[in-house]
């Protein structure tokens, strides 16, 4: 842990980001106040970690714009392998906690955790510990080999390629992607070709099918 601790709070709900920031300011016992940086999308997390490669911890919401389920974690772990990341979500079923661990998360924090407990868990994560709820032990099994291999390949995508990949999984056509990203269709086609090669699939349909293994149904009451 560095002297000037930096934590990225990544959640698309501004009220939750603010509440989590206030909780950490009140409950996290450190020699000096940490720098608490906020991100509202996977793209924003990429940008912050590019700007602050010495970040000590990312608290990453499971349901973030720019990703589907665990795809964001898989890609961020590949692009920034030295930055510890912990998932934070109201979706804390055993199989979800297990998948977070299998994909390289340092911990899993339920949004129902009491403020004092959250402060202690984040402190342990900053010390380099792994912190998962007891539900991890109740998970029947981890990811199958095919899903694990796809996650490894997903980690090889650049941030630009990952953005296009996410749009492909949403069923968007090259023309729509080009318009949204303000780039040319030939550039999109080049990205798609590179994505298919890196993921080891033949076409967009296979991308969508493979991506479904990392998707997580969002809980109705999650923030």
C-alpha atoms as a PDB file:
ATOM      1  CA  UNK A   1       0.000   0.000   0.000  1.00  0.00           C
ATOM      2  CA  UNK A   2       1.429   3.396  -0.993  1.00  0.00           C
ATOM      3  CA  UNK A   3       1.719   6.344   1.390  1.00  0.00           C
ATOM      4  CA  UNK A   4      -0.946   8.244  -0.566  1.00  0.00           C
ATOM      5  CA  UNK A   5      -3.599   5.597  -0.980  1.00  0.00           C
ATOM      6  CA  UNK A   6      -5.726   5.758  -4.133  1.00  0.00           C
ATOM      7  CA  UNK A   7      -9.028   3.930  -4.433  1.00  0.00           C
ATOM      8  CA  UNK A   8     -11.296   3.929  -7.481  1.00  0.00           C
ATOM      9  CA  UNK A   9     -15.013   3.655  -6.705  1.00  0.00           C
ATOM     10  CA  UNK A  10     -16.650   2.329  -9.880  1.00  0.00           C
ATOM     11  CA  UNK A  11     -20.449   2.346  -9.905  1.00  0.00           C
ATOM     12  CA  UNK A  12     -22.976   3.853 -12.290  1.00  0.00           C
ATOM     13  CA  UNK A  13     -25.206   5.164  -9.482  1.00  0.00           C
ATOM     14  CA  UNK A  14     -23.932   8.562  -8.228  1.00  0.00           C
ATOM     15  CA  UNK A  15     -25.805   8.262  -4.934  1.00  0.00           C
ATOM     16  CA  UNK A  16     -24.128   4.943  -4.165  1.00  0.00           C
ATOM     17  CA  UNK A  17     -20.691   6.285  -5.153  1.00  0.00           C
ATOM     18  CA  UNK A  18     -21.177   9.216  -2.803  1.00  0.00           C
ATOM     19  CA  UNK A  19     -22.436   6.985   0.008  1.00  0.00           C
ATOM     20  CA  UNK A  20     -19.513   4.592  -0.397  1.00  0.00           C
ATOM     21  CA  UNK A  21     -17.053   7.485  -0.455  1.00  0.00           C
ATOM     22  CA  UNK A  22     -18.527   8.897   2.755  1.00  0.00           C
ATOM     23  CA  UNK A  23     -18.439   5.464   4.386  1.00  0.00           C
ATOM     24  CA  UNK A  24     -14.783   4.968   3.529  1.00  0.00           C
ATOM     25  CA  UNK A  25     -13.903   8.444   4.755  1.00  0.00           C
ATOM     26  CA  UNK A  26     -15.581   7.649   8.069  1.00  0.00           C
ATOM     27  CA  UNK A  27     -14.673   3.978   8.554  1.00  0.00           C
ATOM     28  CA  UNK A  28     -11.362   3.341   6.791  1.00  0.00           C
ATOM     29  CA  UNK A  29      -8.548   3.616   9.317  1.00  0.00           C
ATOM     30  CA  UNK A  30      -5.425   4.844   7.491  1.00  0.00           C
ATOM     31  CA  UNK A  31      -2.552   7.164   8.523  1.00  0.00           C
ATOM     32  CA  UNK A  32      -3.773   9.761   6.023  1.00  0.00           C
ATOM     33  CA  UNK A  33      -6.990  10.299   4.097  1.00  0.00           C
ATOM     34  CA  UNK A  34      -7.065   8.270   0.863  1.00  0.00           C
ATOM     35  CA  UNK A  35      -7.704   9.750  -2.567  1.00  0.00           C
ATOM     36  CA  UNK A  36     -11.131   8.420  -3.573  1.00  0.00           C
ATOM     37  CA  UNK A  37     -11.652   8.578  -7.341  1.00  0.00           C
ATOM     38  CA  UNK A  38     -15.036   7.926  -8.935  1.00  0.00           C
ATOM     39  CA  UNK A  39     -15.928   6.214 -12.228  1.00  0.00           C
ATOM     40  CA  UNK A  40     -19.386   5.673 -13.713  1.00  0.00           C
ATOM     41  CA  UNK A  41     -18.498   3.257 -16.532  1.00  0.00           C
ATOM     42  CA  UNK A  42     -15.865   0.733 -17.596  1.00  0.00           C
ATOM     43  CA  UNK A  43     -14.443   3.327 -20.001  1.00  0.00           C
ATOM     44  CA  UNK A  44     -14.065   5.736 -17.092  1.00  0.00           C
ATOM     45  CA  UNK A  45     -12.231   3.063 -15.059  1.00  0.00           C
ATOM     46  CA  UNK A  46      -9.842   2.496 -17.971  1.00  0.00           C
ATOM     47  CA  UNK A  47      -9.193   6.246 -18.180  1.00  0.00           C
ATOM     48  CA  UNK A  48      -8.584   6.632 -14.434  1.00  0.00           C
ATOM     49  CA  UNK A  49      -6.184   3.675 -14.272  1.00  0.00           C
ATOM     50  CA  UNK A  50      -4.285   5.018 -17.296  1.00  0.00           C
ATOM     51  CA  UNK A  51      -3.961   8.310 -15.438  1.00  0.00           C
ATOM     52  CA  UNK A  52      -3.259   6.705 -12.042  1.00  0.00           C
ATOM     53  CA  UNK A  53      -1.361   3.438 -12.626  1.00  0.00           C
ATOM     54  CA  UNK A  54      -0.367   3.430  -8.939  1.00  0.00           C
ATOM     55  CA  UNK A  55      -3.987   2.930  -7.830  1.00  0.00           C
ATOM     56  CA  UNK A  56      -4.105   0.693  -4.771  1.00  0.00           C
ATOM     57  CA  UNK A  57      -7.596  -0.754  -5.191  1.00  0.00           C
ATOM     58  CA  UNK A  58     -10.602  -0.688  -7.513  1.00  0.00           C
ATOM     59  CA  UNK A  59     -14.050  -1.300  -6.031  1.00  0.00           C
ATOM     60  CA  UNK A  60     -15.914  -2.446  -9.137  1.00  0.00           C
ATOM     61  CA  UNK A  61     -19.683  -2.760  -9.345  1.00  0.00           C
ATOM     62  CA  UNK A  62     -20.805  -5.964 -11.040  1.00  0.00           C
ATOM     63  CA  UNK A  63     -23.307  -4.150 -13.291  1.00  0.00           C
ATOM     64  CA  UNK A  64     -21.491  -1.338 -15.091  1.00  0.00           C
ATOM     65  CA  UNK A  65     -22.175   0.509 -18.357  1.00  0.00           C
ATOM     66  CA  UNK A  66     -19.727  -0.628 -21.001  1.00  0.00           C
ATOM     67  CA  UNK A  67     -19.671  -4.257 -19.858  1.00  0.00           C
ATOM     68  CA  UNK A  68     -21.929  -7.227 -19.245  1.00  0.00           C
ATOM     69  CA  UNK A  69     -21.482  -8.982 -15.923  1.00  0.00           C
ATOM     70  CA  UNK A  70     -17.928 -10.176 -15.435  1.00  0.00           C
ATOM     71  CA  UNK A  71     -16.619  -9.107 -18.854  1.00  0.00           C
ATOM     72  CA  UNK A  72     -15.467  -5.778 -17.378  1.00  0.00           C
ATOM     73  CA  UNK A  73     -13.500  -7.480 -14.608  1.00  0.00           C
ATOM     74  CA  UNK A  74     -11.941  -9.950 -17.050  1.00  0.00           C
ATOM     75  CA  UNK A  75     -10.747  -7.189 -19.361  1.00  0.00           C
ATOM     76  CA  UNK A  76      -9.558  -4.810 -16.631  1.00  0.00           C
ATOM     77  CA  UNK A  77      -7.563  -7.597 -14.965  1.00  0.00           C
ATOM     78  CA  UNK A  78      -5.812  -8.213 -18.293  1.00  0.00           C
ATOM     79  CA  UNK A  79      -5.055  -4.572 -19.066  1.00  0.00           C
ATOM     80  CA  UNK A  80      -4.077  -3.649 -15.486  1.00  0.00           C
ATOM     81  CA  UNK A  81      -2.819  -6.924 -13.960  1.00  0.00           C
ATOM     82  CA  UNK A  82      -1.027  -5.290 -11.000  1.00  0.00           C
ATOM     83  CA  UNK A  83      -4.028  -3.296  -9.715  1.00  0.00           C
ATOM     84  CA  UNK A  84      -6.103  -5.191  -7.098  1.00  0.00           C
ATOM     85  CA  UNK A  85      -9.817  -5.231  -7.854  1.00  0.00           C
ATOM     86  CA  UNK A  86     -12.735  -6.204  -5.649  1.00  0.00           C
ATOM     87  CA  UNK A  87     -16.296  -6.688  -6.863  1.00  0.00           C
ATOM     88  CA  UNK A  88     -19.052  -4.897  -4.996  1.00  0.00           C
ATOM     89  CA  UNK A  89     -22.665  -5.875  -5.607  1.00  0.00           C
ATOM     90  CA  UNK A  90     -26.030  -6.777  -4.135  1.00  0.00           C
ATOM     91  CA  UNK A  91     -25.889  -9.936  -6.289  1.00  0.00           C
ATOM     92  CA  UNK A  92     -23.922 -12.053  -3.843  1.00  0.00           C
ATOM     93  CA  UNK A  93     -25.085 -15.592  -4.563  1.00  0.00           C
ATOM     94  CA  UNK A  94     -22.403 -18.276  -4.052  1.00  0.00           C
ATOM     95  CA  UNK A  95     -21.849 -18.975  -7.768  1.00  0.00           C
ATOM     96  CA  UNK A  96     -21.386 -15.251  -8.490  1.00  0.00           C
ATOM     97  CA  UNK A  97     -18.853 -14.854  -5.685  1.00  0.00           C
ATOM     98  CA  UNK A  98     -17.028 -17.950  -6.987  1.00  0.00           C
ATOM     99  CA  UNK A  99     -16.863 -16.545 -10.513  1.00  0.00           C
ATOM    100  CA  UNK A 100     -15.415 -13.266  -9.242  1.00  0.00           C
ATOM    101  CA  UNK A 101     -12.689 -15.216  -7.429  1.00  0.00           C
ATOM    102  CA  UNK A 102     -11.995 -17.374 -10.482  1.00  0.00           C
ATOM    103  CA  UNK A 103     -11.561 -14.256 -12.633  1.00  0.00           C
ATOM    104  CA  UNK A 104      -8.911 -12.798 -10.361  1.00  0.00           C
ATOM    105  CA  UNK A 105     -10.841 -10.476  -8.059  1.00  0.00           C
ATOM    106  CA  UNK A 106      -9.160  -9.845  -4.717  1.00  0.00           C
ATOM    107  CA  UNK A 107     -12.478  -9.820  -2.918  1.00  0.00           C
ATOM    108  CA  UNK A 108     -16.233  -9.557  -3.092  1.00  0.00           C
ATOM    109  CA  UNK A 109     -18.172  -7.010  -1.031  1.00  0.00           C
ATOM    110  CA  UNK A 110     -21.932  -7.202  -0.610  1.00  0.00           C
ATOM    111  CA  UNK A 111     -23.746  -3.885  -0.753  1.00  0.00           C
ATOM    112  CA  UNK A 112     -25.633  -4.982   2.351  1.00  0.00           C
ATOM    113  CA  UNK A 113     -22.440  -4.961   4.449  1.00  0.00           C
ATOM    114  CA  UNK A 114     -22.506  -2.722   7.528  1.00  0.00           C
ATOM    115  CA  UNK A 115     -20.347   0.435   7.232  1.00  0.00           C
ATOM    116  CA  UNK A 116     -17.858  -0.615   9.920  1.00  0.00           C
ATOM    117  CA  UNK A 117     -17.464  -4.060   8.351  1.00  0.00           C
ATOM    118  CA  UNK A 118     -16.953  -2.514   4.925  1.00  0.00           C
ATOM    119  CA  UNK A 119     -14.181  -0.323   6.298  1.00  0.00           C
ATOM    120  CA  UNK A 120     -12.435  -3.357   7.800  1.00  0.00           C
ATOM    121  CA  UNK A 121     -12.741  -5.365   4.565  1.00  0.00           C
ATOM    122  CA  UNK A 122     -11.331  -2.537   2.427  1.00  0.00           C
ATOM    123  CA  UNK A 123      -8.470  -2.090   4.907  1.00  0.00           C
ATOM    124  CA  UNK A 124      -7.604  -5.795   4.572  1.00  0.00           C
ATOM    125  CA  UNK A 125      -7.748  -5.553   0.774  1.00  0.00           C
ATOM    126  CA  UNK A 126      -5.338  -2.615   0.890  1.00  0.00           C
ATOM    127  CA  UNK A 127      -2.990  -4.783   2.975  1.00  0.00           C
ATOM    128  CA  UNK A 128      -2.956  -7.364   0.179  1.00  0.00           C
ATOM    129  CA  UNK A 129      -5.397  -9.848   1.708  1.00  0.00           C
ATOM    130  CA  UNK A 130      -8.135 -11.651  -0.200  1.00  0.00           C
ATOM    131  CA  UNK A 131     -11.597 -11.025   1.241  1.00  0.00           C
ATOM    132  CA  UNK A 132     -14.602 -13.086   0.215  1.00  0.00           C
ATOM    133  CA  UNK A 133     -17.846 -13.836   2.081  1.00  0.00           C
ATOM    134  CA  UNK A 134     -18.522 -17.290   3.479  1.00  0.00           C
ATOM    135  CA  UNK A 135     -20.783 -17.995   0.503  1.00  0.00           C
ATOM    136  CA  UNK A 136     -17.621 -18.659  -1.536  1.00  0.00           C
ATOM    137  CA  UNK A 137     -17.205 -21.956   0.289  1.00  0.00           C
ATOM    138  CA  UNK A 138     -20.767 -22.967  -0.589  1.00  0.00           C
ATOM    139  CA  UNK A 139     -20.296 -22.546  -4.326  1.00  0.00           C
ATOM    140  CA  UNK A 140     -20.656 -25.913  -6.011  1.00  0.00           C
ATOM    141  CA  UNK A 141     -17.963 -25.352  -8.612  1.00  0.00           C
ATOM    142  CA  UNK A 142     -16.022 -22.719 -10.486  1.00  0.00           C
ATOM    143  CA  UNK A 143     -16.050 -21.784 -14.150  1.00  0.00           C
ATOM    144  CA  UNK A 144     -15.871 -24.437 -16.803  1.00  0.00           C
ATOM    145  CA  UNK A 145     -12.765 -24.580 -18.983  1.00  0.00           C
ATOM    146  CA  UNK A 146     -14.399 -22.978 -22.026  1.00  0.00           C
ATOM    147  CA  UNK A 147     -15.553 -19.948 -20.027  1.00  0.00           C
ATOM    148  CA  UNK A 148     -12.147 -19.597 -18.371  1.00  0.00           C
ATOM    149  CA  UNK A 149     -10.420 -19.662 -21.751  1.00  0.00           C
ATOM    150  CA  UNK A 150     -12.813 -17.062 -23.150  1.00  0.00           C
ATOM    151  CA  UNK A 151     -12.156 -14.803 -20.138  1.00  0.00           C
ATOM    152  CA  UNK A 152      -8.407 -15.117 -20.723  1.00  0.00           C
ATOM    153  CA  UNK A 153      -8.853 -14.114 -24.354  1.00  0.00           C
ATOM    154  CA  UNK A 154     -11.133 -11.239 -23.388  1.00  0.00           C
ATOM    155  CA  UNK A 155      -8.320  -9.925 -21.198  1.00  0.00           C
ATOM    156  CA  UNK A 156      -6.192  -9.447 -24.328  1.00  0.00           C
ATOM    157  CA  UNK A 157      -8.508  -6.864 -25.866  1.00  0.00           C
ATOM    158  CA  UNK A 158      -7.382  -3.248 -25.810  1.00  0.00           C
ATOM    159  CA  UNK A 159      -9.781  -0.714 -24.256  1.00  0.00           C
ATOM    160  CA  UNK A 160     -10.956   0.361 -27.745  1.00  0.00           C
ATOM    161  CA  UNK A 161     -11.474  -3.244 -28.801  1.00  0.00           C
ATOM    162  CA  UNK A 162     -13.343  -4.014 -25.581  1.00  0.00           C
ATOM    163  CA  UNK A 163     -15.694  -1.091 -26.218  1.00  0.00           C
ATOM    164  CA  UNK A 164     -16.472  -2.456 -29.688  1.00  0.00           C
ATOM    165  CA  UNK A 165     -16.794  -5.981 -28.270  1.00  0.00           C
ATOM    166  CA  UNK A 166     -19.443  -4.788 -25.798  1.00  0.00           C
ATOM    167  CA  UNK A 167     -21.393  -3.141 -28.604  1.00  0.00           C
ATOM    168  CA  UNK A 168     -21.218  -6.360 -30.630  1.00  0.00           C
ATOM    169  CA  UNK A 169     -22.715  -8.274 -27.684  1.00  0.00           C
ATOM    170  CA  UNK A 170     -25.559  -5.745 -27.672  1.00  0.00           C
ATOM    171  CA  UNK A 171     -26.319  -6.659 -31.279  1.00  0.00           C
ATOM    172  CA  UNK A 172     -25.134  -3.390 -32.805  1.00  0.00           C
ATOM    173  CA  UNK A 173     -24.072  -3.290 -36.460  1.00  0.00           C
ATOM    174  CA  UNK A 174     -20.807  -1.789 -37.715  1.00  0.00           C
ATOM    175  CA  UNK A 175     -22.617   1.306 -38.961  1.00  0.00           C
ATOM    176  CA  UNK A 176     -24.212   1.889 -35.552  1.00  0.00           C
ATOM    177  CA  UNK A 177     -20.905   1.328 -33.743  1.00  0.00           C
ATOM    178  CA  UNK A 178     -19.139   3.759 -36.073  1.00  0.00           C
ATOM    179  CA  UNK A 179     -21.795   6.409 -35.418  1.00  0.00           C
ATOM    180  CA  UNK A 180     -21.743   5.981 -31.628  1.00  0.00           C
ATOM    181  CA  UNK A 181     -17.930   6.012 -31.403  1.00  0.00           C
ATOM    182  CA  UNK A 182     -17.515   8.701 -34.076  1.00  0.00           C
ATOM    183  CA  UNK A 183     -15.131   6.561 -36.113  1.00  0.00           C
ATOM    184  CA  UNK A 184     -15.238   5.241 -39.681  1.00  0.00           C
ATOM    185  CA  UNK A 185     -16.815   1.919 -40.640  1.00  0.00           C
ATOM    186  CA  UNK A 186     -13.457   0.611 -41.964  1.00  0.00           C
ATOM    187  CA  UNK A 187     -11.974   1.304 -38.527  1.00  0.00           C
ATOM    188  CA  UNK A 188     -14.822  -0.615 -36.890  1.00  0.00           C
ATOM    189  CA  UNK A 189     -14.287  -3.504 -39.315  1.00  0.00           C
ATOM    190  CA  UNK A 190     -10.594  -3.573 -38.403  1.00  0.00           C
ATOM    191  CA  UNK A 191     -11.491  -3.701 -34.708  1.00  0.00           C
ATOM    192  CA  UNK A 192     -14.015  -6.490 -35.309  1.00  0.00           C
ATOM    193  CA  UNK A 193     -11.463  -8.536 -37.254  1.00  0.00           C
ATOM    194  CA  UNK A 194      -8.933  -8.157 -34.436  1.00  0.00           C
ATOM    195  CA  UNK A 195     -11.561  -9.014 -31.817  1.00  0.00           C
ATOM    196  CA  UNK A 196     -12.623 -12.208 -33.590  1.00  0.00           C
ATOM    197  CA  UNK A 197      -8.989 -13.253 -33.918  1.00  0.00           C
ATOM    198  CA  UNK A 198      -8.130 -12.585 -30.288  1.00  0.00           C
ATOM    199  CA  UNK A 199     -11.273 -14.314 -29.018  1.00  0.00           C
ATOM    200  CA  UNK A 200     -10.766 -17.312 -31.292  1.00  0.00           C
ATOM    201  CA  UNK A 201     -14.247 -17.166 -32.818  1.00  0.00           C
ATOM    202  CA  UNK A 202     -15.450 -17.058 -36.428  1.00  0.00           C
ATOM    203  CA  UNK A 203     -18.242 -14.505 -36.357  1.00  0.00           C
ATOM    204  CA  UNK A 204     -20.299 -12.078 -34.295  1.00  0.00           C
ATOM    205  CA  UNK A 205     -22.866 -14.715 -33.331  1.00  0.00           C
ATOM    206  CA  UNK A 206     -20.149 -16.769 -31.650  1.00  0.00           C
ATOM    207  CA  UNK A 207     -19.012 -13.653 -29.792  1.00  0.00           C
ATOM    208  CA  UNK A 208     -22.527 -13.167 -28.394  1.00  0.00           C
ATOM    209  CA  UNK A 209     -22.880 -16.833 -27.413  1.00  0.00           C
ATOM    210  CA  UNK A 210     -19.491 -16.910 -25.685  1.00  0.00           C
ATOM    211  CA  UNK A 211     -20.150 -13.595 -23.922  1.00  0.00           C
ATOM    212  CA  UNK A 212     -23.338 -14.957 -22.333  1.00  0.00           C
ATOM    213  CA  UNK A 213     -21.223 -17.170 -20.041  1.00  0.00           C
ATOM    214  CA  UNK A 214     -19.872 -14.054 -18.299  1.00  0.00           C
ATOM    215  CA  UNK A 215     -23.203 -12.243 -18.091  1.00  0.00           C
ATOM    216  CA  UNK A 216     -25.017 -11.943 -14.776  1.00  0.00           C
ATOM    217  CA  UNK A 217     -28.707 -11.211 -14.418  1.00  0.00           C
ATOM    218  CA  UNK A 218     -29.055  -7.960 -12.524  1.00  0.00           C
ATOM    219  CA  UNK A 219     -30.907  -8.214  -9.252  1.00  0.00           C
ATOM    220  CA  UNK A 220     -34.078  -6.167  -9.217  1.00  0.00           C
ATOM    221  CA  UNK A 221     -33.145  -4.497  -5.954  1.00  0.00           C
ATOM    222  CA  UNK A 222     -29.466  -3.902  -6.680  1.00  0.00           C
ATOM    223  CA  UNK A 223     -27.990  -0.424  -6.805  1.00  0.00           C
END
